[in-house]
Structure formats: C-alpha cells, structure tokens
Amino acid sequence: GAGSHGGTIFALTRTLCPDADMADLWHKTGLPNCSVTEIELPEPYAGQPGRLIHFGDNSHIPGAKPGWGH
C-alpha cells in the first residue's frame, strides 16, 4: 500500500533509480503487502544510479498478482 512503508520504498526507489518510470510502475503494480522491491547499487556506492530489479513483486505469494521484475 501507500502507507509509511510504501511511501518509503517508493521514495527510495525514485531517488536511487532516477531512470525508473515511477508513475508507470505504481499504476502497474502499486506496492502490495509483503511484496519485494530490489535495487542493485554499484559498488562502491558513491551516488551513482541504481538498477531496479523488482518493484512490488509478490509472485512468492500463491495466487497473488505478480508485480514488476526482470
């Protein structure tokens, strides 16, 4: 959801992955409860953009609508 955890995940994703189309991702998946958002950061991290791996993915929950990931 868009509660405190969802807002934090959304803001961090937008900050760490500036190339991600957050409006499109939000409309496609939102942030379902118990979903996974994964960001790969370069090492060492020095403010470079991260790569979004999964956003709102809940495919690990039987019967749930899968989120975005690649």
N, C-alpha and C. Protein backbone atom coordinates (compact mmCIF):
# COMPACT_ATOMS: atom_id res chain seq x y z
N GLY A 1 0.81 -1.19 0.00
CA GLY A 1 0.00 0.00 0.00
C GLY A 1 0.85 1.25 0.00
N ALA A 2 0.18 2.35 0.16
CA ALA A 2 0.86 3.64 0.13
C ALA A 2 1.09 4.18 1.53
N GLY A 3 1.08 3.30 2.54
CA GLY A 3 1.32 3.74 3.90
C GLY A 3 2.78 4.10 4.11
N SER A 4 3.21 4.09 5.36
CA SER A 4 4.57 4.54 5.66
C SER A 4 5.63 3.68 4.97
N HIS A 5 5.47 2.36 4.96
CA HIS A 5 6.46 1.51 4.29
C HIS A 5 6.42 1.74 2.79
N GLY A 6 5.23 1.79 2.20
CA GLY A 6 5.11 2.00 0.77
C GLY A 6 5.68 3.35 0.35
N GLY A 7 5.41 4.38 1.13
CA GLY A 7 5.93 5.70 0.83
C GLY A 7 7.45 5.73 0.87
N THR A 8 8.03 5.05 1.85
CA THR A 8 9.49 4.98 1.98
C THR A 8 10.10 4.22 0.82
N ILE A 9 9.53 3.07 0.49
CA ILE A 9 10.03 2.27 -0.63
C ILE A 9 9.92 3.05 -1.93
N PHE A 10 8.79 3.70 -2.15
CA PHE A 10 8.58 4.49 -3.36
C PHE A 10 9.61 5.62 -3.44
N ALA A 11 9.82 6.36 -2.35
CA ALA A 11 10.76 7.48 -2.34
C ALA A 11 12.20 7.00 -2.55
N LEU A 12 12.58 5.92 -1.90
CA LEU A 12 13.94 5.39 -2.09
C LEU A 12 14.16 4.91 -3.52
N THR A 13 13.16 4.24 -4.08
CA THR A 13 13.28 3.76 -5.45
C THR A 13 13.42 4.94 -6.41
N ARG A 14 12.60 5.96 -6.22
CA ARG A 14 12.66 7.15 -7.08
C ARG A 14 14.02 7.83 -6.96
N THR A 15 14.58 7.87 -5.75
CA THR A 15 15.87 8.52 -5.52
C THR A 15 17.04 7.70 -6.06
N LEU A 16 17.03 6.40 -5.79
CA LEU A 16 18.16 5.54 -6.17
C LEU A 16 18.12 5.11 -7.64
N CYS A 17 16.93 5.14 -8.25
CA CYS A 17 16.77 4.72 -9.65
C CYS A 17 16.06 5.83 -10.42
N PRO A 18 16.76 6.94 -10.67
CA PRO A 18 16.10 8.09 -11.28
C PRO A 18 15.55 7.83 -12.68
N ASP A 19 16.03 6.79 -13.36
CA ASP A 19 15.53 6.48 -14.70
C ASP A 19 14.24 5.66 -14.68
N ALA A 20 13.85 5.15 -13.52
CA ALA A 20 12.63 4.34 -13.42
C ALA A 20 11.39 5.22 -13.58
N ASP A 21 10.44 4.74 -14.35
CA ASP A 21 9.17 5.46 -14.54
C ASP A 21 8.24 5.09 -13.39
N MET A 22 8.35 5.85 -12.30
CA MET A 22 7.63 5.51 -11.08
C MET A 22 6.11 5.57 -11.25
N ALA A 23 5.62 6.52 -12.02
CA ALA A 23 4.17 6.61 -12.24
C ALA A 23 3.67 5.35 -12.93
N ASP A 24 4.41 4.89 -13.94
CA ASP A 24 4.01 3.68 -14.66
C ASP A 24 4.07 2.46 -13.74
N LEU A 25 5.15 2.36 -12.96
CA LEU A 25 5.28 1.22 -12.04
C LEU A 25 4.17 1.22 -11.01
N TRP A 26 3.86 2.38 -10.47
CA TRP A 26 2.82 2.47 -9.45
C TRP A 26 1.47 2.03 -10.02
N HIS A 27 1.17 2.46 -11.24
CA HIS A 27 -0.12 2.09 -11.85
C HIS A 27 -0.15 0.61 -12.22
N LYS A 28 0.99 0.04 -12.58
CA LYS A 28 1.04 -1.38 -12.95
C LYS A 28 0.94 -2.29 -11.74
N THR A 29 1.67 -1.95 -10.65
CA THR A 29 1.76 -2.88 -9.54
C THR A 29 1.36 -2.31 -8.20
N GLY A 30 1.56 -1.00 -7.99
CA GLY A 30 1.44 -0.47 -6.64
C GLY A 30 2.49 -1.14 -5.78
N LEU A 31 2.28 -1.17 -4.52
CA LEU A 31 3.17 -1.89 -3.61
C LEU A 31 2.32 -2.78 -2.72
N PRO A 32 1.99 -3.99 -3.20
CA PRO A 32 1.15 -4.88 -2.40
C PRO A 32 1.85 -5.26 -1.09
N ASN A 33 1.05 -5.58 -0.09
CA ASN A 33 1.60 -6.07 1.17
C ASN A 33 2.49 -7.27 0.91
N CYS A 34 3.59 -7.35 1.63
CA CYS A 34 4.55 -8.46 1.57
C CYS A 34 5.27 -8.55 0.22
N SER A 35 5.24 -7.48 -0.56
CA SER A 35 5.92 -7.52 -1.85
C SER A 35 7.41 -7.22 -1.68
N VAL A 36 8.17 -7.53 -2.73
CA VAL A 36 9.62 -7.36 -2.73
C VAL A 36 9.99 -6.30 -3.75
N THR A 37 10.78 -5.33 -3.31
CA THR A 37 11.39 -4.35 -4.19
C THR A 37 12.90 -4.51 -4.03
N GLU A 38 13.58 -4.73 -5.15
CA GLU A 38 15.01 -4.98 -5.11
C GLU A 38 15.73 -3.99 -6.02
N ILE A 39 16.75 -3.34 -5.47
CA ILE A 39 17.56 -2.37 -6.21
C ILE A 39 19.01 -2.81 -6.12
N GLU A 40 19.66 -2.87 -7.26
CA GLU A 40 21.09 -3.19 -7.29
C GLU A 40 21.88 -1.88 -7.35
N LEU A 41 22.77 -1.67 -6.39
CA LEU A 41 23.59 -0.46 -6.33
C LEU A 41 25.01 -0.78 -6.74
N PRO A 42 25.67 0.14 -7.46
CA PRO A 42 27.06 -0.10 -7.83
C PRO A 42 27.95 -0.13 -6.58
N GLU A 43 29.04 -0.88 -6.66
CA GLU A 43 30.00 -0.93 -5.54
C GLU A 43 31.31 -0.36 -6.01
N PRO A 44 31.95 0.51 -5.29
CA PRO A 44 31.38 1.15 -4.10
C PRO A 44 30.32 2.17 -4.49
N TYR A 45 29.32 2.32 -3.65
CA TYR A 45 28.23 3.25 -3.95
C TYR A 45 28.70 4.66 -3.66
N ALA A 46 28.62 5.52 -4.66
CA ALA A 46 29.02 6.93 -4.49
C ALA A 46 28.00 7.83 -5.15
N GLY A 47 26.73 7.50 -4.99
CA GLY A 47 25.67 8.33 -5.54
C GLY A 47 25.28 8.00 -6.96
N GLN A 48 25.89 6.97 -7.55
CA GLN A 48 25.50 6.58 -8.91
C GLN A 48 24.11 5.97 -8.91
N PRO A 49 23.41 6.05 -10.05
CA PRO A 49 22.07 5.45 -10.11
C PRO A 49 22.12 3.94 -9.90
N GLY A 50 21.10 3.44 -9.25
CA GLY A 50 20.95 2.00 -9.07
C GLY A 50 20.14 1.41 -10.21
N ARG A 51 20.07 0.08 -10.23
CA ARG A 51 19.29 -0.63 -11.25
C ARG A 51 18.13 -1.32 -10.54
N LEU A 52 16.92 -1.02 -10.97
CA LEU A 52 15.73 -1.61 -10.37
C LEU A 52 15.55 -3.03 -10.88
N ILE A 53 15.55 -3.99 -9.98
CA ILE A 53 15.43 -5.41 -10.33
C ILE A 53 13.97 -5.85 -10.19
N HIS A 54 13.34 -5.55 -9.05
CA HIS A 54 11.94 -5.90 -8.79
C HIS A 54 11.27 -4.71 -8.11
N PHE A 55 10.00 -4.50 -8.42
CA PHE A 55 9.22 -3.46 -7.75
C PHE A 55 7.84 -4.01 -7.46
N GLY A 56 7.49 -4.08 -6.18
CA GLY A 56 6.17 -4.56 -5.79
C GLY A 56 5.91 -6.00 -6.19
N ASP A 57 6.94 -6.81 -6.26
CA ASP A 57 6.80 -8.20 -6.71
C ASP A 57 6.28 -9.06 -5.57
N ASN A 58 5.14 -9.68 -5.78
CA ASN A 58 4.61 -10.60 -4.77
C ASN A 58 4.32 -11.97 -5.37
N SER A 59 5.11 -12.33 -6.38
CA SER A 59 4.92 -13.63 -7.04
C SER A 59 5.23 -14.80 -6.11
N HIS A 60 5.87 -14.52 -4.97
CA HIS A 60 6.16 -15.57 -3.99
C HIS A 60 4.92 -15.95 -3.17
N ILE A 61 3.84 -15.21 -3.34
CA ILE A 61 2.60 -15.49 -2.61
C ILE A 61 1.64 -16.22 -3.55
N PRO A 62 1.26 -17.45 -3.22
CA PRO A 62 0.37 -18.21 -4.11
C PRO A 62 -0.92 -17.46 -4.41
N GLY A 63 -1.26 -17.37 -5.69
CA GLY A 63 -2.50 -16.74 -6.11
C GLY A 63 -2.45 -15.23 -6.21
N ALA A 64 -1.33 -14.61 -5.83
CA ALA A 64 -1.23 -13.15 -5.88
C ALA A 64 -0.87 -12.69 -7.29
N LYS A 65 -1.30 -11.48 -7.63
CA LYS A 65 -0.96 -10.89 -8.91
C LYS A 65 0.53 -10.52 -8.87
N PRO A 66 1.35 -11.03 -9.81
CA PRO A 66 2.77 -10.73 -9.77
C PRO A 66 3.04 -9.24 -10.01
N GLY A 67 4.07 -8.73 -9.37
CA GLY A 67 4.49 -7.35 -9.58
C GLY A 67 5.43 -7.26 -10.77
N TRP A 68 6.21 -6.20 -10.80
CA TRP A 68 7.12 -5.96 -11.90
C TRP A 68 8.51 -6.48 -11.55
N GLY A 69 9.17 -7.08 -12.49
CA GLY A 69 10.54 -7.52 -12.28
C GLY A 69 11.13 -8.05 -13.57
N HIS A 70 12.44 -7.95 -13.67
CA HIS A 70 13.14 -8.53 -14.83
C HIS A 70 14.57 -8.83 -14.49
